[in-house]
Amino acid sequence: MSFLAELWQFLRVRKKYWLLPIILMSVVFGGLVVLTAGSAFAPFIYTLF
């Protein structure tokens, strides 16, 4: 959790709020790839990339 606190502090101090959506979308797509890696949806997810 300290990593997330440091990341938030970095974004706030440096006024880099535009990085937040990029980070969130990367986490969401990464989660999709990990969760659907062994399922029938895997070919459909991989076509997004």
PDB file of N, CA and C in Angstrom:
ATOM      1  N   MET A   1       0.811  -1.197   0.000  1.00  0.00           N
ATOM      2  CA  MET A   1       0.000   0.000   0.000  1.00  0.00           C
ATOM      3  C   MET A   1       0.853   1.259   0.000  1.00  0.00           C
ATOM      4  N   SER A   2       2.081   1.158   0.467  1.00  0.00           N
ATOM      5  CA  SER A   2       2.923   2.352   0.491  1.00  0.00           C
ATOM      6  C   SER A   2       3.258   2.793  -0.937  1.00  0.00           C
ATOM      7  N   PHE A   3       3.335   1.833  -1.867  1.00  0.00           N
ATOM      8  CA  PHE A   3       3.593   2.181  -3.262  1.00  0.00           C
ATOM      9  C   PHE A   3       2.463   3.046  -3.813  1.00  0.00           C
ATOM     10  N   LEU A   4       1.223   2.665  -3.514  1.00  0.00           N
ATOM     11  CA  LEU A   4       0.084   3.448  -3.992  1.00  0.00           C
ATOM     12  C   LEU A   4       0.053   4.829  -3.363  1.00  0.00           C
ATOM     13  N   ALA A   5       0.406   4.907  -2.087  1.00  0.00           N
ATOM     14  CA  ALA A   5       0.451   6.209  -1.417  1.00  0.00           C
ATOM     15  C   ALA A   5       1.528   7.099  -2.022  1.00  0.00           C
ATOM     16  N   GLU A   6       2.688   6.515  -2.301  1.00  0.00           N
ATOM     17  CA  GLU A   6       3.758   7.292  -2.927  1.00  0.00           C
ATOM     18  C   GLU A   6       3.382   7.716  -4.346  1.00  0.00           C
ATOM     19  N   LEU A   7       2.734   6.838  -5.089  1.00  0.00           N
ATOM     20  CA  LEU A   7       2.304   7.180  -6.438  1.00  0.00           C
ATOM     21  C   LEU A   7       1.299   8.325  -6.409  1.00  0.00           C
ATOM     22  N   TRP A   8       0.332   8.260  -5.509  1.00  0.00           N
ATOM     23  CA  TRP A   8      -0.655   9.324  -5.397  1.00  0.00           C
ATOM     24  C   TRP A   8       0.011  10.638  -4.987  1.00  0.00           C
ATOM     25  N   GLN A   9       0.946  10.573  -4.074  1.00  0.00           N
ATOM     26  CA  GLN A   9       1.654  11.777  -3.645  1.00  0.00           C
ATOM     27  C   GLN A   9       2.462  12.366  -4.811  1.00  0.00           C
ATOM     28  N   PHE A  10       3.113  11.523  -5.591  1.00  0.00           N
ATOM     29  CA  PHE A  10       3.858  11.989  -6.763  1.00  0.00           C
ATOM     30  C   PHE A  10       2.936  12.697  -7.751  1.00  0.00           C
ATOM     31  N   LEU A  11       1.790  12.053  -8.045  1.00  0.00           N
ATOM     32  CA  LEU A  11       0.853  12.644  -8.991  1.00  0.00           C
ATOM     33  C   LEU A  11       0.311  13.975  -8.479  1.00  0.00           C
ATOM     34  N   ARG A  12       0.066  14.071  -7.198  1.00  0.00           N
ATOM     35  CA  ARG A  12      -0.495  15.286  -6.622  1.00  0.00           C
ATOM     36  C   ARG A  12       0.523  16.416  -6.565  1.00  0.00           C
ATOM     37  N   VAL A  13       1.741  16.108  -6.149  1.00  0.00           N
ATOM     38  CA  VAL A  13       2.766  17.143  -6.005  1.00  0.00           C
ATOM     39  C   VAL A  13       3.208  17.651  -7.370  1.00  0.00           C
ATOM     40  N   ARG A  14       3.405  16.743  -8.317  1.00  0.00           N
ATOM     41  CA  ARG A  14       3.903  17.135  -9.638  1.00  0.00           C
ATOM     42  C   ARG A  14       2.788  17.586 -10.577  1.00  0.00           C
ATOM     43  N   LYS A  15       1.533  17.525 -10.087  1.00  0.00           N
ATOM     44  CA  LYS A  15       0.349  17.897 -10.867  1.00  0.00           C
ATOM     45  C   LYS A  15       0.268  17.103 -12.179  1.00  0.00           C
ATOM     46  N   LYS A  16       0.461  15.804 -12.070  1.00  0.00           N
ATOM     47  CA  LYS A  16       0.409  14.892 -13.213  1.00  0.00           C
ATOM     48  C   LYS A  16      -0.896  14.087 -13.187  1.00  0.00           C
ATOM     49  N   TYR A  17      -2.008  14.766 -13.004  1.00  0.00           N
ATOM     50  CA  TYR A  17      -3.285  14.074 -12.905  1.00  0.00           C
ATOM     51  C   TYR A  17      -3.673  13.376 -14.204  1.00  0.00           C
ATOM     52  N   TRP A  18      -3.104  13.803 -15.322  1.00  0.00           N
ATOM     53  CA  TRP A  18      -3.426  13.177 -16.601  1.00  0.00           C
ATOM     54  C   TRP A  18      -2.877  11.762 -16.695  1.00  0.00           C
ATOM     55  N   LEU A  19      -1.935  11.384 -15.818  1.00  0.00           N
ATOM     56  CA  LEU A  19      -1.404  10.026 -15.818  1.00  0.00           C
ATOM     57  C   LEU A  19      -2.364   9.032 -15.161  1.00  0.00           C
ATOM     58  N   LEU A  20      -3.257   9.515 -14.320  1.00  0.00           N
ATOM     59  CA  LEU A  20      -4.149   8.624 -13.569  1.00  0.00           C
ATOM     60  C   LEU A  20      -5.032   7.763 -14.486  1.00  0.00           C
ATOM     61  N   PRO A  21      -5.699   8.311 -15.503  1.00  0.00           N
ATOM     62  CA  PRO A  21      -6.495   7.429 -16.384  1.00  0.00           C
ATOM     63  C   PRO A  21      -5.650   6.402 -17.128  1.00  0.00           C
ATOM     64  N   ILE A  22      -4.441   6.765 -17.508  1.00  0.00           N
ATOM     65  CA  ILE A  22      -3.570   5.822 -18.201  1.00  0.00           C
ATOM     66  C   ILE A  22      -3.204   4.662 -17.284  1.00  0.00           C
ATOM     67  N   ILE A  23      -2.877   4.972 -16.045  1.00  0.00           N
ATOM     68  CA  ILE A  23      -2.523   3.934 -15.072  1.00  0.00           C
ATOM     69  C   ILE A  23      -3.724   3.039 -14.793  1.00  0.00           C
ATOM     70  N   LEU A  24      -4.892   3.633 -14.617  1.00  0.00           N
ATOM     71  CA  LEU A  24      -6.088   2.841 -14.331  1.00  0.00           C
ATOM     72  C   LEU A  24      -6.456   1.923 -15.491  1.00  0.00           C
ATOM     73  N   MET A  25      -6.383   2.416 -16.719  1.00  0.00           N
ATOM     74  CA  MET A  25      -6.705   1.569 -17.867  1.00  0.00           C
ATOM     75  C   MET A  25      -5.683   0.449 -18.031  1.00  0.00           C
ATOM     76  N   SER A  26      -4.431   0.707 -17.727  1.00  0.00           N
ATOM     77  CA  SER A  26      -3.412  -0.339 -17.790  1.00  0.00           C
ATOM     78  C   SER A  26      -3.714  -1.436 -16.776  1.00  0.00           C
ATOM     79  N   VAL A  27      -4.138  -1.048 -15.588  1.00  0.00           N
ATOM     80  CA  VAL A  27      -4.482  -2.029 -14.559  1.00  0.00           C
ATOM     81  C   VAL A  27      -5.713  -2.835 -14.971  1.00  0.00           C
ATOM     82  N   VAL A  28      -6.707  -2.167 -15.547  1.00  0.00           N
ATOM     83  CA  VAL A  28      -7.923  -2.865 -15.965  1.00  0.00           C
ATOM     84  C   VAL A  28      -7.619  -3.872 -17.078  1.00  0.00           C
ATOM     85  N   PHE A  29      -6.872  -3.449 -18.099  1.00  0.00           N
ATOM     86  CA  PHE A  29      -6.543  -4.374 -19.184  1.00  0.00           C
ATOM     87  C   PHE A  29      -5.643  -5.504 -18.699  1.00  0.00           C
ATOM     88  N   GLY A  30      -4.730  -5.210 -17.819  1.00  0.00           N
ATOM     89  CA  GLY A  30      -3.889  -6.259 -17.247  1.00  0.00           C
ATOM     90  C   GLY A  30      -4.712  -7.264 -16.471  1.00  0.00           C
ATOM     91  N   GLY A  31      -5.672  -6.783 -15.702  1.00  0.00           N
ATOM     92  CA  GLY A  31      -6.564  -7.676 -14.969  1.00  0.00           C
ATOM     93  C   GLY A  31      -7.404  -8.536 -15.888  1.00  0.00           C
ATOM     94  N   LEU A  32      -7.872  -7.946 -16.997  1.00  0.00           N
ATOM     95  CA  LEU A  32      -8.643  -8.725 -17.967  1.00  0.00           C
ATOM     96  C   LEU A  32      -7.806  -9.847 -18.572  1.00  0.00           C
ATOM     97  N   VAL A  33      -6.583  -9.544 -18.913  1.00  0.00           N
ATOM     98  CA  VAL A  33      -5.715 -10.565 -19.509  1.00  0.00           C
ATOM     99  C   VAL A  33      -5.436 -11.684 -18.514  1.00  0.00           C
ATOM    100  N   VAL A  34      -5.178 -11.323 -17.265  1.00  0.00           N
ATOM    101  CA  VAL A  34      -4.874 -12.334 -16.245  1.00  0.00           C
ATOM    102  C   VAL A  34      -6.103 -13.189 -15.936  1.00  0.00           C
ATOM    103  N   LEU A  35      -7.266 -12.551 -15.801  1.00  0.00           N
ATOM    104  CA  LEU A  35      -8.466 -13.293 -15.417  1.00  0.00           C
ATOM    105  C   LEU A  35      -9.031 -14.159 -16.536  1.00  0.00           C
ATOM    106  N   THR A  36      -8.828 -13.766 -17.782  1.00  0.00           N
ATOM    107  CA  THR A  36      -9.404 -14.531 -18.888  1.00  0.00           C
ATOM    108  C   THR A  36      -8.372 -15.381 -19.621  1.00  0.00           C
ATOM    109  N   ALA A  37      -7.190 -15.536 -19.073  1.00  0.00           N
ATOM    110  CA  ALA A  37      -6.123 -16.268 -19.761  1.00  0.00           C
ATOM    111  C   ALA A  37      -6.489 -17.729 -20.000  1.00  0.00           C
ATOM    112  N   GLY A  38      -7.217 -18.348 -19.100  1.00  0.00           N
ATOM    113  CA  GLY A  38      -7.543 -19.753 -19.251  1.00  0.00           C
ATOM    114  C   GLY A  38      -8.981 -20.004 -19.635  1.00  0.00           C
ATOM    115  N   SER A  39      -9.680 -18.992 -20.091  1.00  0.00           N
ATOM    116  CA  SER A  39     -11.096 -19.182 -20.382  1.00  0.00           C
ATOM    117  C   SER A  39     -11.368 -19.135 -21.888  1.00  0.00           C
ATOM    118  N   ALA A  40     -12.627 -19.288 -22.236  1.00  0.00           N
ATOM    119  CA  ALA A  40     -13.029 -19.260 -23.644  1.00  0.00           C
ATOM    120  C   ALA A  40     -13.024 -17.846 -24.207  1.00  0.00           C
ATOM    121  N   PHE A  41     -12.952 -16.827 -23.344  1.00  0.00           N
ATOM    122  CA  PHE A  41     -12.947 -15.431 -23.791  1.00  0.00           C
ATOM    123  C   PHE A  41     -11.562 -14.942 -24.188  1.00  0.00           C
ATOM    124  N   ALA A  42     -10.554 -15.729 -23.949  1.00  0.00           N
ATOM    125  CA  ALA A  42      -9.173 -15.312 -24.212  1.00  0.00           C
ATOM    126  C   ALA A  42      -8.945 -14.874 -25.664  1.00  0.00           C
ATOM    127  N   PRO A  43      -9.418 -15.590 -26.671  1.00  0.00           N
ATOM    128  CA  PRO A  43      -9.179 -15.117 -28.046  1.00  0.00           C
ATOM    129  C   PRO A  43      -9.809 -13.756 -28.330  1.00  0.00           C
ATOM    130  N   PHE A  44     -10.937 -13.461 -27.694  1.00  0.00           N
ATOM    131  CA  PHE A  44     -11.598 -12.177 -27.924  1.00  0.00           C
ATOM    132  C   PHE A  44     -10.860 -11.037 -27.236  1.00  0.00           C
ATOM    133  N   ILE A  45     -10.302 -11.296 -26.071  1.00  0.00           N
ATOM    134  CA  ILE A  45      -9.538 -10.276 -25.347  1.00  0.00           C
ATOM    135  C   ILE A  45      -8.234  -9.986 -26.084  1.00  0.00           C
ATOM    136  N   TYR A  46      -7.585 -11.004 -26.587  1.00  0.00           N
ATOM    137  CA  TYR A  46      -6.288 -10.808 -27.251  1.00  0.00           C
ATOM    138  C   TYR A  46      -6.432 -10.062 -28.565  1.00  0.00           C
ATOM    139  N   THR A  47      -7.625 -10.076 -29.173  1.00  0.00           N
ATOM    140  CA  THR A  47      -7.805  -9.317 -30.409  1.00  0.00           C
ATOM    141  C   THR A  47      -7.847  -7.821 -30.140  1.00  0.00           C
ATOM    142  N   LEU A  48      -8.071  -7.418 -28.907  1.00  0.00           N
ATOM    143  CA  LEU A  48      -8.063  -5.984 -28.568  1.00  0.00           C
ATOM    144  C   LEU A  48      -6.662  -5.405 -28.681  1.00  0.00           C
ATOM    145  N   PHE A  49      -5.669  -6.233 -28.516  1.00  0.00           N
ATOM    146  CA  PHE A  49      -4.290  -5.754 -28.550  1.00  0.00           C
ATOM    147  C   PHE A  49      -3.704  -6.023 -29.895  1.00  0.00           C
TER     148      PHE A  49
END
